[in-house]
Amino acid sequence: MATIEECRSALDKLSDNMAGADGKVREAAALDRSLSCHITDLDITFVGRLKDGRIEVLDTLQGPPREKAQIRLAMAGDDLVAMVGGELNFAKAWGSGRVRLEAALLDLFRLRKLL
């Protein structure tokens, strides 16, 4: 099972990857939205913002998110680490229910470019 530190490191790496992306990926990541990522097996939530093409983690909370962020992710820690490491395809994980992504419809259309 991935640790809290490994999950935080994976989010930082994802942020770096998005910031260095080009074209449609960079455009999709350019949203300014509140964000939560609930790590279900550790029962912790990283909360922050997707802003200027980066994920800025502002806090780590015990349990599920207390407030409804505009973009909400939920997954096991191992799945987060595997996705960022290129070992797990996000679209397949989302389609199979291993990863949950909730957002406004227009945001989902923009975020699909990240796939």
PDB file of N, CA and C in Angstrom:
ATOM      1  N   MET A   1       0.848  -1.173   0.000  1.00  0.00           N
ATOM      2  CA  MET A   1       0.000   0.000   0.000  1.00  0.00           C
ATOM      3  C   MET A   1       0.898   1.244   0.000  1.00  0.00           C
ATOM      4  N   ALA A   2       0.557   2.187  -0.865  1.00  0.00           N
ATOM      5  CA  ALA A   2       1.306   3.445  -0.952  1.00  0.00           C
ATOM      6  C   ALA A   2       1.124   4.241   0.340  1.00  0.00           C
ATOM      7  N   THR A   3       2.154   4.970   0.712  1.00  0.00           N
ATOM      8  CA  THR A   3       2.104   5.808   1.913  1.00  0.00           C
ATOM      9  C   THR A   3       1.575   7.201   1.565  1.00  0.00           C
ATOM     10  N   ILE A   4       1.267   7.969   2.589  1.00  0.00           N
ATOM     11  CA  ILE A   4       0.827   9.352   2.380  1.00  0.00           C
ATOM     12  C   ILE A   4       1.909  10.131   1.638  1.00  0.00           C
ATOM     13  N   GLU A   5       3.157   9.926   2.027  1.00  0.00           N
ATOM     14  CA  GLU A   5       4.267  10.637   1.392  1.00  0.00           C
ATOM     15  C   GLU A   5       4.398  10.262  -0.084  1.00  0.00           C
ATOM     16  N   GLU A   6       4.219   8.983  -0.405  1.00  0.00           N
ATOM     17  CA  GLU A   6       4.294   8.550  -1.806  1.00  0.00           C
ATOM     18  C   GLU A   6       3.158   9.156  -2.625  1.00  0.00           C
ATOM     19  N   CYS A   7       1.977   9.240  -2.039  1.00  0.00           N
ATOM     20  CA  CYS A   7       0.837   9.843  -2.743  1.00  0.00           C
ATOM     21  C   CYS A   7       1.069  11.334  -2.961  1.00  0.00           C
ATOM     22  N   ARG A   8       1.575  12.019  -1.958  1.00  0.00           N
ATOM     23  CA  ARG A   8       1.865  13.452  -2.094  1.00  0.00           C
ATOM     24  C   ARG A   8       2.935  13.671  -3.161  1.00  0.00           C
ATOM     25  N   SER A   9       3.944  12.821  -3.161  1.00  0.00           N
ATOM     26  CA  SER A   9       5.001  12.910  -4.167  1.00  0.00           C
ATOM     27  C   SER A   9       4.440  12.673  -5.567  1.00  0.00           C
ATOM     28  N   ALA A  10       3.503  11.727  -5.689  1.00  0.00           N
ATOM     29  CA  ALA A  10       2.877  11.456  -6.987  1.00  0.00           C
ATOM     30  C   ALA A  10       2.088  12.666  -7.469  1.00  0.00           C
ATOM     31  N   LEU A  11       1.363  13.332  -6.571  1.00  0.00           N
ATOM     32  CA  LEU A  11       0.632  14.547  -6.959  1.00  0.00           C
ATOM     33  C   LEU A  11       1.588  15.649  -7.390  1.00  0.00           C
ATOM     34  N   ASP A  12       2.714  15.779  -6.693  1.00  0.00           N
ATOM     35  CA  ASP A  12       3.715  16.777  -7.082  1.00  0.00           C
ATOM     36  C   ASP A  12       4.281  16.465  -8.467  1.00  0.00           C
ATOM     37  N   LYS A  13       4.542  15.186  -8.733  1.00  0.00           N
ATOM     38  CA  LYS A  13       5.061  14.786 -10.045  1.00  0.00           C
ATOM     39  C   LYS A  13       4.019  15.036 -11.134  1.00  0.00           C
ATOM     40  N   LEU A  14       2.750  14.729 -10.845  1.00  0.00           N
ATOM     41  CA  LEU A  14       1.680  15.002 -11.803  1.00  0.00           C
ATOM     42  C   LEU A  14       1.611  16.492 -12.100  1.00  0.00           C
ATOM     43  N   SER A  15       1.736  17.312 -11.076  1.00  0.00           N
ATOM     44  CA  SER A  15       1.733  18.763 -11.251  1.00  0.00           C
ATOM     45  C   SER A  15       2.882  19.200 -12.152  1.00  0.00           C
ATOM     46  N   ASP A  16       4.074  18.664 -11.906  1.00  0.00           N
ATOM     47  CA  ASP A  16       5.234  18.999 -12.743  1.00  0.00           C
ATOM     48  C   ASP A  16       5.013  18.568 -14.188  1.00  0.00           C
ATOM     49  N   ASN A  17       4.441  17.369 -14.376  1.00  0.00           N
ATOM     50  CA  ASN A  17       4.169  16.870 -15.729  1.00  0.00           C
ATOM     51  C   ASN A  17       3.183  17.778 -16.461  1.00  0.00           C
ATOM     52  N   MET A  18       2.133  18.208 -15.761  1.00  0.00           N
ATOM     53  CA  MET A  18       1.134  19.074 -16.384  1.00  0.00           C
ATOM     54  C   MET A  18       1.730  20.436 -16.709  1.00  0.00           C
ATOM     55  N   ALA A  19       2.558  20.964 -15.830  1.00  0.00           N
ATOM     56  CA  ALA A  19       3.164  22.278 -16.054  1.00  0.00           C
ATOM     57  C   ALA A  19       4.112  22.255 -17.247  1.00  0.00           C
ATOM     58  N   GLY A  20       4.726  21.118 -17.509  1.00  0.00           N
ATOM     59  CA  GLY A  20       5.664  21.004 -18.622  1.00  0.00           C
ATOM     60  C   GLY A  20       5.042  20.524 -19.913  1.00  0.00           C
ATOM     61  N   ALA A  21       3.735  20.308 -19.907  1.00  0.00           N
ATOM     62  CA  ALA A  21       3.054  19.785 -21.094  1.00  0.00           C
ATOM     63  C   ALA A  21       2.851  20.879 -22.140  1.00  0.00           C
ATOM     64  N   ASP A  22       2.586  20.435 -23.356  1.00  0.00           N
ATOM     65  CA  ASP A  22       2.335  21.347 -24.471  1.00  0.00           C
ATOM     66  C   ASP A  22       0.920  21.155 -25.007  1.00  0.00           C
ATOM     67  N   GLY A  23       0.512  22.067 -25.853  1.00  0.00           N
ATOM     68  CA  GLY A  23      -0.707  21.932 -26.639  1.00  0.00           C
ATOM     69  C   GLY A  23      -1.969  21.737 -25.831  1.00  0.00           C
ATOM     70  N   LYS A  24      -2.757  20.720 -26.229  1.00  0.00           N
ATOM     71  CA  LYS A  24      -4.072  20.487 -25.644  1.00  0.00           C
ATOM     72  C   LYS A  24      -3.995  20.111 -24.170  1.00  0.00           C
ATOM     73  N   VAL A  25      -2.949  19.389 -23.787  1.00  0.00           N
ATOM     74  CA  VAL A  25      -2.807  19.005 -22.381  1.00  0.00           C
ATOM     75  C   VAL A  25      -2.600  20.249 -21.525  1.00  0.00           C
ATOM     76  N   ARG A  26      -1.741  21.131 -21.968  1.00  0.00           N
ATOM     77  CA  ARG A  26      -1.498  22.372 -21.208  1.00  0.00           C
ATOM     78  C   ARG A  26      -2.768  23.222 -21.158  1.00  0.00           C
ATOM     79  N   GLU A  27      -3.485  23.280 -22.266  1.00  0.00           N
ATOM     80  CA  GLU A  27      -4.740  24.037 -22.316  1.00  0.00           C
ATOM     81  C   GLU A  27      -5.757  23.467 -21.328  1.00  0.00           C
ATOM     82  N   ALA A  28      -5.874  22.149 -21.277  1.00  0.00           N
ATOM     83  CA  ALA A  28      -6.827  21.509 -20.367  1.00  0.00           C
ATOM     84  C   ALA A  28      -6.448  21.738 -18.911  1.00  0.00           C
ATOM     85  N   ALA A  29      -5.162  21.768 -18.635  1.00  0.00           N
ATOM     86  CA  ALA A  29      -4.693  21.945 -17.259  1.00  0.00           C
ATOM     87  C   ALA A  29      -4.721  23.402 -16.819  1.00  0.00           C
ATOM     88  N   ALA A  30      -5.065  24.317 -17.709  1.00  0.00           N
ATOM     89  CA  ALA A  30      -5.036  25.746 -17.400  1.00  0.00           C
ATOM     90  C   ALA A  30      -6.282  26.227 -16.655  1.00  0.00           C
ATOM     91  N   LEU A  31      -7.118  25.320 -16.213  1.00  0.00           N
ATOM     92  CA  LEU A  31      -8.291  25.698 -15.433  1.00  0.00           C
ATOM     93  C   LEU A  31      -7.869  26.290 -14.086  1.00  0.00           C
ATOM     94  N   ASP A  32      -8.746  27.056 -13.491  1.00  0.00           N
ATOM     95  CA  ASP A  32      -8.557  27.533 -12.120  1.00  0.00           C
ATOM     96  C   ASP A  32      -9.740  26.997 -11.325  1.00  0.00           C
ATOM     97  N   ARG A  33      -9.512  25.877 -10.638  1.00  0.00           N
ATOM     98  CA  ARG A  33     -10.591  25.188  -9.933  1.00  0.00           C
ATOM     99  C   ARG A  33     -10.095  24.642  -8.597  1.00  0.00           C
ATOM    100  N   SER A  34     -11.012  24.560  -7.635  1.00  0.00           N
ATOM    101  CA  SER A  34     -10.686  23.853  -6.397  1.00  0.00           C
ATOM    102  C   SER A  34     -10.621  22.360  -6.716  1.00  0.00           C
ATOM    103  N   LEU A  35      -9.799  21.643  -5.958  1.00  0.00           N
ATOM    104  CA  LEU A  35      -9.521  20.242  -6.264  1.00  0.00           C
ATOM    105  C   LEU A  35      -9.412  19.449  -4.971  1.00  0.00           C
ATOM    106  N   SER A  36      -9.962  18.238  -4.987  1.00  0.00           N
ATOM    107  CA  SER A  36      -9.727  17.314  -3.874  1.00  0.00           C
ATOM    108  C   SER A  36      -9.377  15.952  -4.454  1.00  0.00           C
ATOM    109  N   CYS A  37      -8.487  15.257  -3.768  1.00  0.00           N
ATOM    110  CA  CYS A  37      -8.085  13.911  -4.163  1.00  0.00           C
ATOM    111  C   CYS A  37      -8.154  13.037  -2.919  1.00  0.00           C
ATOM    112  N   HIS A  38      -9.214  12.227  -2.835  1.00  0.00           N
ATOM    113  CA  HIS A  38      -9.414  11.350  -1.680  1.00  0.00           C
ATOM    114  C   HIS A  38      -8.707  10.028  -1.948  1.00  0.00           C
ATOM    115  N   ILE A  39      -7.773   9.683  -1.086  1.00  0.00           N
ATOM    116  CA  ILE A  39      -7.060   8.412  -1.178  1.00  0.00           C
ATOM    117  C   ILE A  39      -7.824   7.442  -0.283  1.00  0.00           C
ATOM    118  N   THR A  40      -8.598   6.577  -0.925  1.00  0.00           N
ATOM    119  CA  THR A  40      -9.596   5.782  -0.210  1.00  0.00           C
ATOM    120  C   THR A  40      -8.995   4.784   0.772  1.00  0.00           C
ATOM    121  N   ASP A  41      -7.895   4.133   0.410  1.00  0.00           N
ATOM    122  CA  ASP A  41      -7.346   3.116   1.307  1.00  0.00           C
ATOM    123  C   ASP A  41      -6.625   3.721   2.508  1.00  0.00           C
ATOM    124  N   LEU A  42      -6.166   4.950   2.394  1.00  0.00           N
ATOM    125  CA  LEU A  42      -5.525   5.644   3.515  1.00  0.00           C
ATOM    126  C   LEU A  42      -6.510   6.538   4.263  1.00  0.00           C
ATOM    127  N   ASP A  43      -7.688   6.741   3.674  1.00  0.00           N
ATOM    128  CA  ASP A  43      -8.732   7.616   4.200  1.00  0.00           C
ATOM    129  C   ASP A  43      -8.191   9.010   4.521  1.00  0.00           C
ATOM    130  N   ILE A  44      -7.488   9.565   3.526  1.00  0.00           N
ATOM    131  CA  ILE A  44      -7.018  10.947   3.617  1.00  0.00           C
ATOM    132  C   ILE A  44      -7.424  11.672   2.341  1.00  0.00           C
ATOM    133  N   THR A  45      -7.466  12.979   2.422  1.00  0.00           N
ATOM    134  CA  THR A  45      -7.808  13.794   1.264  1.00  0.00           C
ATOM    135  C   THR A  45      -6.805  14.926   1.130  1.00  0.00           C
ATOM    136  N   PHE A  46      -6.251  15.053  -0.064  1.00  0.00           N
ATOM    137  CA  PHE A  46      -5.427  16.208  -0.402  1.00  0.00           C
ATOM    138  C   PHE A  46      -6.368  17.242  -0.994  1.00  0.00           C
ATOM    139  N   VAL A  47      -6.336  18.458  -0.481  1.00  0.00           N
ATOM    140  CA  VAL A  47      -7.177  19.528  -1.017  1.00  0.00           C
ATOM    141  C   VAL A  47      -6.284  20.658  -1.509  1.00  0.00           C
ATOM    142  N   GLY A  48      -6.731  21.294  -2.568  1.00  0.00           N
ATOM    143  CA  GLY A  48      -5.949  22.392  -3.119  1.00  0.00           C
ATOM    144  C   GLY A  48      -6.619  22.992  -4.329  1.00  0.00           C
ATOM    145  N   ARG A  49      -5.782  23.441  -5.275  1.00  0.00           N
ATOM    146  CA  ARG A  49      -6.285  24.089  -6.485  1.00  0.00           C
ATOM    147  C   ARG A  49      -5.533  23.587  -7.697  1.00  0.00           C
ATOM    148  N   LEU A  50      -6.247  23.514  -8.791  1.00  0.00           N
ATOM    149  CA  LEU A  50      -5.647  23.362 -10.108  1.00  0.00           C
ATOM    150  C   LEU A  50      -5.604  24.781 -10.656  1.00  0.00           C
ATOM    151  N   LYS A  51      -4.390  25.307 -10.829  1.00  0.00           N
ATOM    152  CA  LYS A  51      -4.254  26.708 -11.232  1.00  0.00           C
ATOM    153  C   LYS A  51      -2.978  26.880 -12.043  1.00  0.00           C
ATOM    154  N   ASP A  52      -3.088  27.615 -13.136  1.00  0.00           N
ATOM    155  CA  ASP A  52      -1.930  27.898 -13.990  1.00  0.00           C
ATOM    156  C   ASP A  52      -1.217  26.621 -14.429  1.00  0.00           C
ATOM    157  N   GLY A  53      -1.999  25.575 -14.676  1.00  0.00           N
ATOM    158  CA  GLY A  53      -1.422  24.325 -15.167  1.00  0.00           C
ATOM    159  C   GLY A  53      -0.728  23.491 -14.119  1.00  0.00           C
ATOM    160  N   ARG A  54      -0.931  23.816 -12.852  1.00  0.00           N
ATOM    161  CA  ARG A  54      -0.282  23.068 -11.762  1.00  0.00           C
ATOM    162  C   ARG A  54      -1.319  22.681 -10.708  1.00  0.00           C
ATOM    163  N   ILE A  55      -1.003  21.636  -9.969  1.00  0.00           N
ATOM    164  CA  ILE A  55      -1.800  21.265  -8.806  1.00  0.00           C
ATOM    165  C   ILE A  55      -1.084  21.812  -7.580  1.00  0.00           C
ATOM    166  N   GLU A  56      -1.766  22.665  -6.850  1.00  0.00           N
ATOM    167  CA  GLU A  56      -1.211  23.228  -5.622  1.00  0.00           C
ATOM    168  C   GLU A  56      -1.941  22.593  -4.438  1.00  0.00           C
ATOM    169  N   VAL A  57      -1.269  21.686  -3.723  1.00  0.00           N
ATOM    170  CA  VAL A  57      -1.863  21.047  -2.552  1.00  0.00           C
ATOM    171  C   VAL A  57      -1.744  22.008  -1.375  1.00  0.00           C
ATOM    172  N   LEU A  58      -2.887  22.355  -0.795  1.00  0.00           N
ATOM    173  CA  LEU A  58      -2.916  23.313   0.307  1.00  0.00           C
ATOM    174  C   LEU A  58      -3.003  22.642   1.671  1.00  0.00           C
ATOM    175  N   ASP A  59      -3.589  21.425   1.713  1.00  0.00           N
ATOM    176  CA  ASP A  59      -3.776  20.757   2.994  1.00  0.00           C
ATOM    177  C   ASP A  59      -3.979  19.266   2.778  1.00  0.00           C
ATOM    178  N   THR A  60      -3.730  18.506   3.818  1.00  0.00           N
ATOM    179  CA  THR A  60      -4.002  17.070   3.842  1.00  0.00           C
ATOM    180  C   THR A  60      -4.917  16.826   5.030  1.00  0.00           C
ATOM    181  N   LEU A  61      -6.092  16.271   4.758  1.00  0.00           N
ATOM    182  CA  LEU A  61      -7.104  16.085   5.791  1.00  0.00           C
ATOM    183  C   LEU A  61      -7.369  14.605   6.026  1.00  0.00           C
ATOM    184  N   GLN A  62      -7.708  14.253   7.250  1.00  0.00           N
ATOM    185  CA  GLN A  62      -8.126  12.894   7.556  1.00  0.00           C
ATOM    186  C   GLN A  62      -9.557  12.706   7.066  1.00  0.00           C
ATOM    187  N   GLY A  63      -9.831  11.580   6.421  1.00  0.00           N
ATOM    188  CA  GLY A  63     -11.178  11.262   5.981  1.00  0.00           C
ATOM    189  C   GLY A  63     -11.502  11.821   4.613  1.00  0.00           C
ATOM    190  N   PRO A  64     -12.772  11.668   4.220  1.00  0.00           N
ATOM    191  CA  PRO A  64     -13.209  12.185   2.919  1.00  0.00           C
ATOM    192  C   PRO A  64     -13.235  13.708   2.929  1.00  0.00           C
ATOM    193  N   PRO A  65     -13.331  14.323   1.745  1.00  0.00           N
ATOM    194  CA  PRO A  65     -13.335  15.792   1.686  1.00  0.00           C
ATOM    195  C   PRO A  65     -14.499  16.378   2.482  1.00  0.00           C
ATOM    196  N   ARG A  66     -14.214  17.449   3.186  1.00  0.00           N
ATOM    197  CA  ARG A  66     -15.249  18.101   4.005  1.00  0.00           C
ATOM    198  C   ARG A  66     -16.109  19.036   3.175  1.00  0.00           C
ATOM    199  N   GLU A  67     -15.516  19.608   2.149  1.00  0.00           N
ATOM    200  CA  GLU A  67     -16.246  20.508   1.256  1.00  0.00           C
ATOM    201  C   GLU A  67     -16.177  19.950  -0.158  1.00  0.00           C
ATOM    202  N   LYS A  68     -17.156  20.289  -0.956  1.00  0.00           N
ATOM    203  CA  LYS A  68     -17.234  19.783  -2.324  1.00  0.00           C
ATOM    204  C   LYS A  68     -16.371  20.655  -3.240  1.00  0.00           C
ATOM    205  N   ALA A  69     -15.236  20.109  -3.649  1.00  0.00           N
ATOM    206  CA  ALA A  69     -14.358  20.822  -4.579  1.00  0.00           C
ATOM    207  C   ALA A  69     -14.965  20.794  -5.977  1.00  0.00           C
ATOM    208  N   GLN A  70     -14.523  21.699  -6.831  1.00  0.00           N
ATOM    209  CA  GLN A  70     -15.034  21.743  -8.202  1.00  0.00           C
ATOM    210  C   GLN A  70     -14.571  20.532  -9.014  1.00  0.00           C
ATOM    211  N   ILE A  71     -13.382  20.019  -8.720  1.00  0.00           N
ATOM    212  CA  ILE A  71     -12.875  18.793  -9.342  1.00  0.00           C
ATOM    213  C   ILE A  71     -12.568  17.829  -8.208  1.00  0.00           C
ATOM    214  N   ARG A  72     -13.208  16.644  -8.262  1.00  0.00           N
ATOM    215  CA  ARG A  72     -13.065  15.678  -7.179  1.00  0.00           C
ATOM    216  C   ARG A  72     -12.563  14.345  -7.727  1.00  0.00           C
ATOM    217  N   LEU A  73     -11.449  13.888  -7.169  1.00  0.00           N
ATOM    218  CA  LEU A  73     -10.874  12.594  -7.522  1.00  0.00           C
ATOM    219  C   LEU A  73     -10.937  11.688  -6.303  1.00  0.00           C
ATOM    220  N   ALA A  74     -11.093  10.391  -6.537  1.00  0.00           N
ATOM    221  CA  ALA A  74     -11.030   9.406  -5.457  1.00  0.00           C
ATOM    222  C   ALA A  74     -10.440   8.128  -6.030  1.00  0.00           C
ATOM    223  N   MET A  75      -9.478   7.560  -5.309  1.00  0.00           N
ATOM    224  CA  MET A  75      -8.806   6.335  -5.769  1.00  0.00           C
ATOM    225  C   MET A  75      -7.945   5.791  -4.643  1.00  0.00           C
ATOM    226  N   ALA A  76      -7.462   4.573  -4.821  1.00  0.00           N
ATOM    227  CA  ALA A  76      -6.496   3.994  -3.891  1.00  0.00           C
ATOM    228  C   ALA A  76      -5.131   4.638  -4.132  1.00  0.00           C
ATOM    229  N   GLY A  77      -4.321   4.686  -3.100  1.00  0.00           N
ATOM    230  CA  GLY A  77      -2.995   5.283  -3.217  1.00  0.00           C
ATOM    231  C   GLY A  77      -2.125   4.590  -4.251  1.00  0.00           C
ATOM    232  N   ASP A  78      -2.171   3.263  -4.297  1.00  0.00           N
ATOM    233  CA  ASP A  78      -1.380   2.521  -5.283  1.00  0.00           C
ATOM    234  C   ASP A  78      -1.782   2.892  -6.705  1.00  0.00           C
ATOM    235  N   ASP A  79      -3.078   3.145  -6.924  1.00  0.00           N
ATOM    236  CA  ASP A  79      -3.540   3.530  -8.263  1.00  0.00           C
ATOM    237  C   ASP A  79      -3.023   4.916  -8.642  1.00  0.00           C
ATOM    238  N   LEU A  80      -3.001   5.843  -7.701  1.00  0.00           N
ATOM    239  CA  LEU A  80      -2.455   7.177  -7.977  1.00  0.00           C
ATOM    240  C   LEU A  80      -0.985   7.076  -8.364  1.00  0.00           C
ATOM    241  N   VAL A  81      -0.217   6.348  -7.573  1.00  0.00           N
ATOM    242  CA  VAL A  81       1.216   6.194  -7.845  1.00  0.00           C
ATOM    243  C   VAL A  81       1.432   5.509  -9.191  1.00  0.00           C
ATOM    244  N   ALA A  82       0.639   4.474  -9.491  1.00  0.00           N
ATOM    245  CA  ALA A  82       0.773   3.747 -10.757  1.00  0.00           C
ATOM    246  C   ALA A  82       0.398   4.623 -11.952  1.00  0.00           C
ATOM    247  N   MET A  83      -0.647   5.441 -11.823  1.00  0.00           N
ATOM    248  CA  MET A  83      -1.046   6.313 -12.932  1.00  0.00           C
ATOM    249  C   MET A  83       0.034   7.335 -13.235  1.00  0.00           C
ATOM    250  N   VAL A  84       0.538   7.979 -12.205  1.00  0.00           N
ATOM    251  CA  VAL A  84       1.560   9.006 -12.416  1.00  0.00           C
ATOM    252  C   VAL A  84       2.846   8.378 -12.939  1.00  0.00           C
ATOM    253  N   GLY A  85       3.121   7.149 -12.525  1.00  0.00           N
ATOM    254  CA  GLY A  85       4.308   6.441 -12.992  1.00  0.00           C
ATOM    255  C   GLY A  85       4.160   5.823 -14.367  1.00  0.00           C
ATOM    256  N   GLY A  86       2.977   5.955 -14.983  1.00  0.00           N
ATOM    257  CA  GLY A  86       2.749   5.432 -16.324  1.00  0.00           C
ATOM    258  C   GLY A  86       2.412   3.953 -16.372  1.00  0.00           C
ATOM    259  N   GLU A  87       2.144   3.341 -15.225  1.00  0.00           N
ATOM    260  CA  GLU A  87       1.842   1.912 -15.172  1.00  0.00           C
ATOM    261  C   GLU A  87       0.348   1.622 -15.251  1.00  0.00           C
ATOM    262  N   LEU A  88      -0.488   2.632 -15.066  1.00  0.00           N
ATOM    263  CA  LEU A  88      -1.940   2.473 -15.093  1.00  0.00           C
ATOM    264  C   LEU A  88      -2.528   3.578 -15.951  1.00  0.00           C
ATOM    265  N   ASN A  89      -3.326   3.202 -16.932  1.00  0.00           N
ATOM    266  CA  ASN A  89      -3.964   4.151 -17.829  1.00  0.00           C
ATOM    267  C   ASN A  89      -5.171   4.779 -17.131  1.00  0.00           C
ATOM    268  N   PHE A  90      -5.190   6.118 -17.078  1.00  0.00           N
ATOM    269  CA  PHE A  90      -6.266   6.818 -16.382  1.00  0.00           C
ATOM    270  C   PHE A  90      -7.629   6.493 -16.979  1.00  0.00           C
ATOM    271  N   ALA A  91      -7.751   6.527 -18.295  1.00  0.00           N
ATOM    272  CA  ALA A  91      -9.050   6.301 -18.931  1.00  0.00           C
ATOM    273  C   ALA A  91      -9.593   4.916 -18.588  1.00  0.00           C
ATOM    274  N   LYS A  92      -8.735   3.908 -18.630  1.00  0.00           N
ATOM    275  CA  LYS A  92      -9.174   2.547 -18.290  1.00  0.00           C
ATOM    276  C   LYS A  92      -9.537   2.442 -16.814  1.00  0.00           C
ATOM    277  N   ALA A  93      -8.739   3.068 -15.953  1.00  0.00           N
ATOM    278  CA  ALA A  93      -9.020   3.029 -14.518  1.00  0.00           C
ATOM    279  C   ALA A  93     -10.328   3.754 -14.205  1.00  0.00           C
ATOM    280  N   TRP A  94     -10.575   4.868 -14.882  1.00  0.00           N
ATOM    281  CA  TRP A  94     -11.814   5.619 -14.686  1.00  0.00           C
ATOM    282  C   TRP A  94     -12.997   4.807 -15.201  1.00  0.00           C
ATOM    283  N   GLY A  95     -12.843   4.238 -16.387  1.00  0.00           N
ATOM    284  CA  GLY A  95     -13.915   3.444 -16.981  1.00  0.00           C
ATOM    285  C   GLY A  95     -14.278   2.217 -16.159  1.00  0.00           C
ATOM    286  N   SER A  96     -13.304   1.637 -15.475  1.00  0.00           N
ATOM    287  CA  SER A  96     -13.553   0.432 -14.680  1.00  0.00           C
ATOM    288  C   SER A  96     -14.010   0.752 -13.257  1.00  0.00           C
ATOM    289  N   GLY A  97     -13.980   2.032 -12.883  1.00  0.00           N
ATOM    290  CA  GLY A  97     -14.414   2.426 -11.552  1.00  0.00           C
ATOM    291  C   GLY A  97     -13.316   2.439 -10.504  1.00  0.00           C
ATOM    292  N   ARG A  98     -12.089   2.123 -10.896  1.00  0.00           N
ATOM    293  CA  ARG A  98     -10.978   2.171  -9.933  1.00  0.00           C
ATOM    294  C   ARG A  98     -10.674   3.608  -9.529  1.00  0.00           C
ATOM    295  N   VAL A  99     -10.939   4.534 -10.429  1.00  0.00           N
ATOM    296  CA  VAL A  99     -10.728   5.959 -10.181  1.00  0.00           C
ATOM    297  C   VAL A  99     -12.052   6.669 -10.404  1.00  0.00           C
ATOM    298  N   ARG A 100     -12.410   7.542  -9.481  1.00  0.00           N
ATOM    299  CA  ARG A 100     -13.610   8.359  -9.657  1.00  0.00           C
ATOM    300  C   ARG A 100     -13.181   9.794  -9.918  1.00  0.00           C
ATOM    301  N   LEU A 101     -13.801  10.391 -10.920  1.00  0.00           N
ATOM    302  CA  LEU A 101     -13.582  11.800 -11.246  1.00  0.00           C
ATOM    303  C   LEU A 101     -14.943  12.448 -11.363  1.00  0.00           C
ATOM    304  N   GLU A 102     -15.164  13.486 -10.579  1.00  0.00           N
ATOM    305  CA  GLU A 102     -16.416  14.232 -10.631  1.00  0.00           C
ATOM    306  C   GLU A 102     -16.092  15.702 -10.822  1.00  0.00           C
ATOM    307  N   ALA A 103     -16.809  16.324 -11.735  1.00  0.00           N
ATOM    308  CA  ALA A 103     -16.634  17.750 -12.017  1.00  0.00           C
ATOM    309  C   ALA A 103     -17.831  18.206 -12.840  1.00  0.00           C
ATOM    310  N   ALA A 104     -17.932  19.512 -13.033  1.00  0.00           N
ATOM    311  CA  ALA A 104     -18.974  20.053 -13.904  1.00  0.00           C
ATOM    312  C   ALA A 104     -18.763  19.519 -15.321  1.00  0.00           C
ATOM    313  N   LEU A 105     -19.830  19.399 -16.069  1.00  0.00           N
ATOM    314  CA  LEU A 105     -19.773  18.814 -17.403  1.00  0.00           C
ATOM    315  C   LEU A 105     -18.756  19.514 -18.306  1.00  0.00           C
ATOM    316  N   LEU A 106     -18.745  20.832 -18.315  1.00  0.00           N
ATOM    317  CA  LEU A 106     -17.788  21.549 -19.164  1.00  0.00           C
ATOM    318  C   LEU A 106     -16.345  21.289 -18.732  1.00  0.00           C
ATOM    319  N   ASP A 107     -16.124  21.178 -17.421  1.00  0.00           N
ATOM    320  CA  ASP A 107     -14.780  20.857 -16.937  1.00  0.00           C
ATOM    321  C   ASP A 107     -14.375  19.447 -17.353  1.00  0.00           C
ATOM    322  N   LEU A 108     -15.314  18.507 -17.305  1.00  0.00           N
ATOM    323  CA  LEU A 108     -15.007  17.138 -17.745  1.00  0.00           C
ATOM    324  C   LEU A 108     -14.598  17.120 -19.212  1.00  0.00           C
ATOM    325  N   PHE A 109     -15.268  17.910 -20.039  1.00  0.00           N
ATOM    326  CA  PHE A 109     -14.896  17.973 -21.457  1.00  0.00           C
ATOM    327  C   PHE A 109     -13.478  18.509 -21.629  1.00  0.00           C
ATOM    328  N   ARG A 110     -13.119  19.518 -20.851  1.00  0.00           N
ATOM    329  CA  ARG A 110     -11.748  20.049 -20.937  1.00  0.00           C
ATOM    330  C   ARG A 110     -10.739  19.057 -20.377  1.00  0.00           C
ATOM    331  N   LEU A 111     -11.077  18.430 -19.258  1.00  0.00           N
ATOM    332  CA  LEU A 111     -10.147  17.507 -18.611  1.00  0.00           C
ATOM    333  C   LEU A 111      -9.907  16.242 -19.429  1.00  0.00           C
ATOM    334  N   ARG A 112     -10.850  15.873 -20.295  1.00  0.00           N
ATOM    335  CA  ARG A 112     -10.652  14.653 -21.094  1.00  0.00           C
ATOM    336  C   ARG A 112      -9.442  14.781 -22.014  1.00  0.00           C
ATOM    337  N   LYS A 113      -9.022  16.007 -22.303  1.00  0.00           N
ATOM    338  CA  LYS A 113      -7.819  16.211 -23.119  1.00  0.00           C
ATOM    339  C   LYS A 113      -6.571  15.724 -22.395  1.00  0.00           C
ATOM    340  N   LEU A 114      -6.654  15.629 -21.077  1.00  0.00           N
ATOM    341  CA  LEU A 114      -5.524  15.117 -20.305  1.00  0.00           C
ATOM    342  C   LEU A 114      -5.354  13.616 -20.490  1.00  0.00           C
ATOM    343  N   LEU A 115      -6.384  12.954 -20.980  1.00  0.00           N
ATOM    344  CA  LEU A 115      -6.316  11.513 -21.188  1.00  0.00           C
ATOM    345  C   LEU A 115      -5.518  11.222 -22.428  1.00  0.00           C
TER     346      LEU A 115
END
